[in-house]
Every structure is written in C-alpha cells, then in structure tokens.
Amino acid sequence: MGRPNYSFQKRQKELEKKKKKEAKRLRKLEKKNADVTDAVEGDTVEAGAVDTEVAAGAETVESDADQDQDTTSGEAEAG
C-alpha cells in the first residue's frame, strides 16, 4: 500500500476554502448593492423636494452676498 498524499489533501482543502471565501465575498457584495439600490429608489421620491429646497437656499445665499457687497462698498465710500 502507498503512503497518503497529504499535500494533495491540503491543497484541495485550501481550494475549497478559497471557493467558500469568494462565494461569501460575492454574497456580501450583492447584498451591499441591493441595499444601495433600495436606498436610491427610496430617495428618488424625496429628491425632488430636496432639489427645490437647495435651489431656494441658493437664492437666499446669493441675496445675502449681494447685501454684504452693498454694505462693504458703502463702508469704503464713507471711510
């Protein structure tokens, strides 16, 4: 009878571990992508409202900036 080839068994075990690890990585990746997709789909409805608020906020910032410039130029003329 021949001796058992332990290095072959070890290699087979390592390959099996690699396959399991890769499968787990893919499952996690799919789950992550599914979560991101669900979050994006849920945010799509709210995105319109957020865009409107951002646009209104931008106009307010511009108005404030114009007032600051007017105030600054008035101080320069008075000084």
Foldseek 3Di string as FASTA:
>chain_A
DDDDDVVVVVVVVVVVVVVVVVVVVVVVVVVVVVVVVVVVVVCVVVVVVVVVVVVVVVVVVVVVVVVVVVVVVVVVVVD
